Amino acid sequence: MSARDRIASTRLYLVCDARPRAFLEAALRGGVDAIQLRDKTLGDRALVAAAREFRAAADGAGALFILNDRPDLVAACAADGVHVGQDDAGVVAARAAVGRDRIVGRSTHAPGQGAAAEADPDVDYLAVGPVHATPTKPGRAAAGLEYVAWAAANVTKPWFAIGGLDARNVHEVTARGASRIVVVRAIADAADPEAAARALRERLEEPVAAAQP
């Protein structure tokens, strides 16, 4: 099964900066099934070096490893694909760089962008948000829960709610049709990343009625 086929079964997706393998392995044990390396502070050589820890941790857990915004380094990092934002390299360029068997993910912030990504054959999955304003994207206005509900009604590709989500508010997006989420701080800032991931996974997999506040 190709990486592109495997993205549909991904539920809990962690985005973080360069981290030790032990941190990544703990998050994966807790229920993360995709990890993305996003570290704007690193040069090319350091990014490739950091990617080794992500690749090894992902391989050990049978998880996916995605690189943020560097389709040109996907092969060097042995990543399963790349995630590009609206202001990053275009999807066509990303697909040309990574090839047909690797994943291309796309950030979207409004129905128009979501519809474009849904219609684009080079996009394998969408990130939908930010649901809440988040310091990881300063200046980005929250897309809100209405956009999550729109995605549930209109997007057939795998899509992930993203933006300020944690174990206390996952029910807000699952109640509106989300079955996949991306998190950053909820795990990356946790004292116990395994426990944080497990709590998120449990809330994500709760029946929707039980997840209501």
C-alpha atoms as a PDB file:
ATOM      1  CA  MET A   1       0.000   0.000   0.000  1.00  0.00           C
ATOM      2  CA  SER A   2       1.420   3.394  -0.970  1.00  0.00           C
ATOM      3  CA  ALA A   3       1.735   6.317   1.419  1.00  0.00           C
ATOM      4  CA  ARG A   4      -1.026   8.048  -0.535  1.00  0.00           C
ATOM      5  CA  ASP A   5      -3.365   5.160   0.227  1.00  0.00           C
ATOM      6  CA  ARG A   6      -2.451   5.114   3.912  1.00  0.00           C
ATOM      7  CA  ILE A   7      -3.400   8.706   4.671  1.00  0.00           C
ATOM      8  CA  ALA A   8      -7.103   7.791   4.746  1.00  0.00           C
ATOM      9  CA  SER A   9      -6.614   5.657   7.873  1.00  0.00           C
ATOM     10  CA  THR A  10      -4.725   8.370   9.750  1.00  0.00           C
ATOM     11  CA  ARG A  11      -6.655   9.876  12.656  1.00  0.00           C
ATOM     12  CA  LEU A  12      -4.226  11.742  14.918  1.00  0.00           C
ATOM     13  CA  TYR A  13      -1.503  13.809  13.243  1.00  0.00           C
ATOM     14  CA  LEU A  14       1.249  15.603  15.147  1.00  0.00           C
ATOM     15  CA  VAL A  15       3.155  18.608  13.787  1.00  0.00           C
ATOM     16  CA  CYS A  16       6.270  19.646  15.678  1.00  0.00           C
ATOM     17  CA  ASP A  17       9.767  21.023  15.406  1.00  0.00           C
ATOM     18  CA  ALA A  18      12.901  18.882  15.503  1.00  0.00           C
ATOM     19  CA  ARG A  19      12.609  16.494  18.452  1.00  0.00           C
ATOM     20  CA  PRO A  20      14.517  13.561  19.947  1.00  0.00           C
ATOM     21  CA  ARG A  21      13.396  10.130  18.838  1.00  0.00           C
ATOM     22  CA  ALA A  22      12.242   9.313  22.385  1.00  0.00           C
ATOM     23  CA  PHE A  23       9.685  12.137  22.294  1.00  0.00           C
ATOM     24  CA  LEU A  24       8.364  11.024  18.912  1.00  0.00           C
ATOM     25  CA  GLU A  25       8.167   7.388  19.971  1.00  0.00           C
ATOM     26  CA  ALA A  26       6.204   8.363  23.079  1.00  0.00           C
ATOM     27  CA  ALA A  27       3.678  10.337  21.015  1.00  0.00           C
ATOM     28  CA  LEU A  28       3.332   7.444  18.589  1.00  0.00           C
ATOM     29  CA  ARG A  29       2.765   4.961  21.424  1.00  0.00           C
ATOM     30  CA  GLY A  30      -0.028   7.200  22.648  1.00  0.00           C
ATOM     31  CA  GLY A  31      -1.892   6.979  19.352  1.00  0.00           C
ATOM     32  CA  VAL A  32      -0.359   9.419  16.886  1.00  0.00           C
ATOM     33  CA  ASP A  33      -0.226   7.850  13.432  1.00  0.00           C
ATOM     34  CA  ALA A  34       1.387  10.639  11.378  1.00  0.00           C
ATOM     35  CA  ILE A  35       4.203  12.995  12.339  1.00  0.00           C
ATOM     36  CA  GLN A  36       5.212  16.128  10.502  1.00  0.00           C
ATOM     37  CA  LEU A  37       8.561  17.871  10.835  1.00  0.00           C
ATOM     38  CA  ARG A  38       8.001  21.623  10.737  1.00  0.00           C
ATOM     39  CA  ASP A  39      11.034  23.609  11.799  1.00  0.00           C
ATOM     40  CA  LYS A  40      11.621  26.944  10.093  1.00  0.00           C
ATOM     41  CA  THR A  41      14.791  27.580  12.109  1.00  0.00           C
ATOM     42  CA  LEU A  42      16.824  24.814  10.446  1.00  0.00           C
ATOM     43  CA  GLY A  43      18.953  24.990   7.340  1.00  0.00           C
ATOM     44  CA  ASP A  44      18.829  22.220   4.767  1.00  0.00           C
ATOM     45  CA  ARG A  45      21.537  20.040   6.272  1.00  0.00           C
ATOM     46  CA  ALA A  46      20.137  20.300   9.790  1.00  0.00           C
ATOM     47  CA  LEU A  47      16.621  19.580   8.535  1.00  0.00           C
ATOM     48  CA  VAL A  48      17.785  16.402   6.816  1.00  0.00           C
ATOM     49  CA  ALA A  49      19.594  15.378   9.997  1.00  0.00           C
ATOM     50  CA  ALA A  50      16.494  16.016  12.132  1.00  0.00           C
ATOM     51  CA  ALA A  51      14.401  14.026   9.680  1.00  0.00           C
ATOM     52  CA  ARG A  52      16.344  10.862  10.506  1.00  0.00           C
ATOM     53  CA  GLU A  53      14.771  10.766  13.952  1.00  0.00           C
ATOM     54  CA  PHE A  54      11.280  11.252  12.498  1.00  0.00           C
ATOM     55  CA  ARG A  55      11.816   8.561   9.876  1.00  0.00           C
ATOM     56  CA  ALA A  56      13.143   6.050  12.386  1.00  0.00           C
ATOM     57  CA  ALA A  57      10.326   6.720  14.861  1.00  0.00           C
ATOM     58  CA  ALA A  58       7.672   6.496  12.146  1.00  0.00           C
ATOM     59  CA  ASP A  59       9.108   3.247  10.819  1.00  0.00           C
ATOM     60  CA  GLY A  60       9.127   1.722  14.285  1.00  0.00           C
ATOM     61  CA  ALA A  61       5.436   2.503  14.754  1.00  0.00           C
ATOM     62  CA  GLY A  62       4.208   1.930  11.204  1.00  0.00           C
ATOM     63  CA  ALA A  63       3.312   5.625  10.984  1.00  0.00           C
ATOM     64  CA  LEU A  64       3.613   8.239   8.254  1.00  0.00           C
ATOM     65  CA  PHE A  65       6.296  10.925   8.202  1.00  0.00           C
ATOM     66  CA  ILE A  66       5.518  14.188   6.400  1.00  0.00           C
ATOM     67  CA  LEU A  67       7.835  17.121   5.790  1.00  0.00           C
ATOM     68  CA  ASN A  68       6.508  20.664   5.968  1.00  0.00           C
ATOM     69  CA  ASP A  69       6.928  23.033   3.028  1.00  0.00           C
ATOM     70  CA  ARG A  70      10.073  21.514   1.510  1.00  0.00           C
ATOM     71  CA  PRO A  71       9.139  19.293  -1.414  1.00  0.00           C
ATOM     72  CA  ASP A  72      12.705  19.666  -2.648  1.00  0.00           C
ATOM     73  CA  LEU A  73      13.978  17.855   0.459  1.00  0.00           C
ATOM     74  CA  VAL A  74      11.401  15.078   0.692  1.00  0.00           C
ATOM     75  CA  ALA A  75      13.637  12.507  -0.993  1.00  0.00           C
ATOM     76  CA  ALA A  76      16.707  13.491   1.043  1.00  0.00           C
ATOM     77  CA  CYS A  77      14.639  13.220   4.230  1.00  0.00           C
ATOM     78  CA  ALA A  78      13.068   9.908   3.149  1.00  0.00           C
ATOM     79  CA  ALA A  79       9.676  11.420   3.972  1.00  0.00           C
ATOM     80  CA  ASP A  80       6.368   9.926   2.892  1.00  0.00           C
ATOM     81  CA  GLY A  81       5.279  13.270   1.515  1.00  0.00           C
ATOM     82  CA  VAL A  82       5.019  16.997   1.994  1.00  0.00           C
ATOM     83  CA  HIS A  83       2.520  19.462   3.400  1.00  0.00           C
ATOM     84  CA  VAL A  84       2.187  22.852   1.715  1.00  0.00           C
ATOM     85  CA  GLY A  85       0.311  25.924   2.871  1.00  0.00           C
ATOM     86  CA  GLN A  86      -1.472  28.526   0.826  1.00  0.00           C
ATOM     87  CA  ASP A  87       1.653  30.694   0.878  1.00  0.00           C
ATOM     88  CA  ASP A  88       4.121  27.863   0.253  1.00  0.00           C
ATOM     89  CA  ALA A  89       5.178  26.121  -2.947  1.00  0.00           C
ATOM     90  CA  GLY A  90       2.225  25.378  -5.196  1.00  0.00           C
ATOM     91  CA  VAL A  91       0.638  21.951  -5.322  1.00  0.00           C
ATOM     92  CA  VAL A  92       1.725  21.329  -8.915  1.00  0.00           C
ATOM     93  CA  ALA A  93       5.347  22.060  -8.029  1.00  0.00           C
ATOM     94  CA  ALA A  94       5.109  19.929  -4.902  1.00  0.00           C
ATOM     95  CA  ARG A  95       3.709  16.960  -6.829  1.00  0.00           C
ATOM     96  CA  ALA A  96       6.399  17.293  -9.481  1.00  0.00           C
ATOM     97  CA  ALA A  97       9.075  17.253  -6.780  1.00  0.00           C
ATOM     98  CA  VAL A  98       7.788  14.317  -4.722  1.00  0.00           C
ATOM     99  CA  GLY A  99       6.416  12.064  -7.462  1.00  0.00           C
ATOM    100  CA  ARG A 100       3.217  10.099  -7.809  1.00  0.00           C
ATOM    101  CA  ASP A 101       3.535   7.730  -4.835  1.00  0.00           C
ATOM    102  CA  ARG A 102       4.186  10.260  -2.086  1.00  0.00           C
ATOM    103  CA  ILE A 103       1.651  12.381  -0.229  1.00  0.00           C
ATOM    104  CA  VAL A 104       0.850  16.032  -0.886  1.00  0.00           C
ATOM    105  CA  GLY A 105      -1.211  17.734   1.811  1.00  0.00           C
ATOM    106  CA  ARG A 106      -2.715  21.211   1.584  1.00  0.00           C
ATOM    107  CA  SER A 107      -3.685  23.785   4.196  1.00  0.00           C
ATOM    108  CA  THR A 108      -7.079  25.396   3.643  1.00  0.00           C
ATOM    109  CA  HIS A 109      -8.768  28.183   5.571  1.00  0.00           C
ATOM    110  CA  ALA A 110     -12.124  28.779   3.863  1.00  0.00           C
ATOM    111  CA  PRO A 111     -14.636  26.942   1.676  1.00  0.00           C
ATOM    112  CA  GLY A 112     -13.178  28.314  -1.566  1.00  0.00           C
ATOM    113  CA  GLN A 113      -9.746  26.919  -0.740  1.00  0.00           C
ATOM    114  CA  GLY A 114     -11.299  23.675   0.448  1.00  0.00           C
ATOM    115  CA  ALA A 115     -13.234  23.252  -2.780  1.00  0.00           C
ATOM    116  CA  ALA A 116     -10.095  23.930  -4.826  1.00  0.00           C
ATOM    117  CA  ALA A 117      -8.117  21.324  -2.885  1.00  0.00           C
ATOM    118  CA  GLU A 118     -10.963  18.820  -3.165  1.00  0.00           C
ATOM    119  CA  ALA A 119     -10.973  19.241  -6.935  1.00  0.00           C
ATOM    120  CA  ASP A 120      -7.178  19.104  -7.326  1.00  0.00           C
ATOM    121  CA  PRO A 121      -5.974  15.602  -8.259  1.00  0.00           C
ATOM    122  CA  ASP A 122      -2.541  16.363  -6.823  1.00  0.00           C
ATOM    123  CA  VAL A 123      -3.892  16.977  -3.290  1.00  0.00           C
ATOM    124  CA  ASP A 124      -4.200  13.867  -1.129  1.00  0.00           C
ATOM    125  CA  TYR A 125      -5.539  15.423   2.065  1.00  0.00           C
ATOM    126  CA  LEU A 126      -6.673  18.780   3.436  1.00  0.00           C
ATOM    127  CA  ALA A 127      -6.021  20.551   6.713  1.00  0.00           C
ATOM    128  CA  VAL A 128      -9.156  22.502   7.660  1.00  0.00           C
ATOM    129  CA  GLY A 129      -8.727  25.475   9.968  1.00  0.00           C
ATOM    130  CA  PRO A 130      -7.484  26.979  12.105  1.00  0.00           C
ATOM    131  CA  VAL A 131     -10.567  26.129  14.119  1.00  0.00           C
ATOM    132  CA  HIS A 132      -9.318  28.438  16.883  1.00  0.00           C
ATOM    133  CA  ALA A 133      -6.686  31.160  16.700  1.00  0.00           C
ATOM    134  CA  THR A 134      -3.284  29.719  17.540  1.00  0.00           C
ATOM    135  CA  PRO A 135       0.174  31.167  18.219  1.00  0.00           C
ATOM    136  CA  THR A 136       1.700  28.688  15.786  1.00  0.00           C
ATOM    137  CA  LYS A 137       0.092  30.776  13.022  1.00  0.00           C
ATOM    138  CA  PRO A 138       0.259  34.368  14.274  1.00  0.00           C
ATOM    139  CA  GLY A 139      -2.051  36.735  12.459  1.00  0.00           C
ATOM    140  CA  ARG A 140      -4.149  33.924  10.977  1.00  0.00           C
ATOM    141  CA  ALA A 141      -7.810  34.503  11.818  1.00  0.00           C
ATOM    142  CA  ALA A 142      -9.742  31.506  13.068  1.00  0.00           C
ATOM    143  CA  ALA A 143     -11.781  29.760  10.394  1.00  0.00           C
ATOM    144  CA  GLY A 144     -14.172  28.557  13.072  1.00  0.00           C
ATOM    145  CA  LEU A 145     -16.370  25.535  13.513  1.00  0.00           C
ATOM    146  CA  GLU A 146     -18.519  26.520  10.555  1.00  0.00           C
ATOM    147  CA  TYR A 147     -15.690  25.609   8.198  1.00  0.00           C
ATOM    148  CA  VAL A 148     -15.373  22.201   9.865  1.00  0.00           C
ATOM    149  CA  ALA A 149     -19.074  21.590   9.263  1.00  0.00           C
ATOM    150  CA  TRP A 150     -18.675  22.721   5.649  1.00  0.00           C
ATOM    151  CA  ALA A 151     -15.822  20.252   5.134  1.00  0.00           C
ATOM    152  CA  ALA A 152     -17.868  17.417   6.606  1.00  0.00           C
ATOM    153  CA  ALA A 153     -20.628  18.142   4.121  1.00  0.00           C
ATOM    154  CA  ASN A 154     -18.525  18.820   1.041  1.00  0.00           C
ATOM    155  CA  VAL A 155     -15.085  17.178   1.167  1.00  0.00           C
ATOM    156  CA  THR A 156     -14.653  13.527   0.199  1.00  0.00           C
ATOM    157  CA  LYS A 157     -10.861  13.397   0.481  1.00  0.00           C
ATOM    158  CA  PRO A 158      -9.294  12.767   3.882  1.00  0.00           C
ATOM    159  CA  TRP A 159      -9.359  16.003   5.865  1.00  0.00           C
ATOM    160  CA  PHE A 160      -8.113  17.035   9.287  1.00  0.00           C
ATOM    161  CA  ALA A 161      -9.437  19.717  11.600  1.00  0.00           C
ATOM    162  CA  ILE A 162      -6.556  21.829  12.904  1.00  0.00           C
ATOM    163  CA  GLY A 163      -5.952  24.827  15.120  1.00  0.00           C
ATOM    164  CA  GLY A 164      -5.997  25.093  18.902  1.00  0.00           C
ATOM    165  CA  LEU A 165      -7.350  21.590  19.452  1.00  0.00           C
ATOM    166  CA  ASP A 166      -6.751  19.611  22.631  1.00  0.00           C
ATOM    167  CA  ALA A 167      -8.453  16.923  24.686  1.00  0.00           C
ATOM    168  CA  ARG A 168     -10.825  19.488  26.195  1.00  0.00           C
ATOM    169  CA  ASN A 169     -12.302  20.697  22.901  1.00  0.00           C
ATOM    170  CA  VAL A 170     -11.977  17.818  20.426  1.00  0.00           C
ATOM    171  CA  HIS A 171     -15.694  17.210  20.927  1.00  0.00           C
ATOM    172  CA  GLU A 172     -16.392  20.532  19.187  1.00  0.00           C
ATOM    173  CA  VAL A 173     -15.012  19.260  15.873  1.00  0.00           C
ATOM    174  CA  THR A 174     -16.166  15.634  16.130  1.00  0.00           C
ATOM    175  CA  ALA A 175     -19.700  16.901  16.758  1.00  0.00           C
ATOM    176  CA  ARG A 176     -19.455  18.698  13.412  1.00  0.00           C
ATOM    177  CA  GLY A 177     -18.241  15.714  11.447  1.00  0.00           C
ATOM    178  CA  ALA A 178     -14.450  15.635  11.891  1.00  0.00           C
ATOM    179  CA  SER A 179     -12.886  12.214  12.334  1.00  0.00           C
ATOM    180  CA  ARG A 180      -9.245  13.329  11.976  1.00  0.00           C
ATOM    181  CA  ILE A 181      -7.308  16.072  13.711  1.00  0.00           C
ATOM    182  CA  VAL A 182      -3.903  17.750  13.565  1.00  0.00           C
ATOM    183  CA  VAL A 183      -2.366  19.008  16.797  1.00  0.00           C
ATOM    184  CA  VAL A 184       0.783  20.893  17.694  1.00  0.00           C
ATOM    185  CA  ARG A 185       0.933  22.264  21.241  1.00  0.00           C
ATOM    186  CA  ALA A 186      -1.443  19.700  22.767  1.00  0.00           C
ATOM    187  CA  ILE A 187       1.317  17.117  22.467  1.00  0.00           C
ATOM    188  CA  ALA A 188       4.467  19.124  21.752  1.00  0.00           C
ATOM    189  CA  ASP A 189       4.117  21.166  24.956  1.00  0.00           C
ATOM    190  CA  ALA A 190       2.960  18.275  27.139  1.00  0.00           C
ATOM    191  CA  ALA A 191       5.104  16.998  30.001  1.00  0.00           C
ATOM    192  CA  ASP A 192       4.011  13.482  29.048  1.00  0.00           C
ATOM    193  CA  PRO A 193       3.527  13.280  25.261  1.00  0.00           C
ATOM    194  CA  GLU A 194       2.355   9.678  25.394  1.00  0.00           C
ATOM    195  CA  ALA A 195      -0.407  10.454  27.872  1.00  0.00           C
ATOM    196  CA  ALA A 196      -1.385  13.587  25.959  1.00  0.00           C
ATOM    197  CA  ALA A 197      -1.643  11.641  22.705  1.00  0.00           C
ATOM    198  CA  ARG A 198      -3.644   8.886  24.384  1.00  0.00           C
ATOM    199  CA  ALA A 199      -6.128  11.371  25.818  1.00  0.00           C
ATOM    200  CA  LEU A 200      -6.581  12.988  22.413  1.00  0.00           C
ATOM    201  CA  ARG A 201      -7.046   9.640  20.701  1.00  0.00           C
ATOM    202  CA  GLU A 202      -9.625   8.546  23.240  1.00  0.00           C
ATOM    203  CA  ARG A 203     -11.613  11.727  22.819  1.00  0.00           C
ATOM    204  CA  LEU A 204     -11.328  11.536  19.054  1.00  0.00           C
ATOM    205  CA  GLU A 205     -12.707   8.001  18.996  1.00  0.00           C
ATOM    206  CA  GLU A 206     -15.576   8.584  21.429  1.00  0.00           C
ATOM    207  CA  PRO A 207     -19.078   8.257  19.987  1.00  0.00           C
ATOM    208  CA  VAL A 208     -20.220  11.721  18.998  1.00  0.00           C
ATOM    209  CA  ALA A 209     -23.165  11.773  21.395  1.00  0.00           C
ATOM    210  CA  ALA A 210     -20.872  10.919  24.309  1.00  0.00           C
ATOM    211  CA  ALA A 211     -18.406  13.593  23.256  1.00  0.00           C
ATOM    212  CA  GLN A 212     -20.936  16.417  23.607  1.00  0.00           C
ATOM    213  CA  PRO A 213     -20.243  18.933  26.402  1.00  0.00           C
END
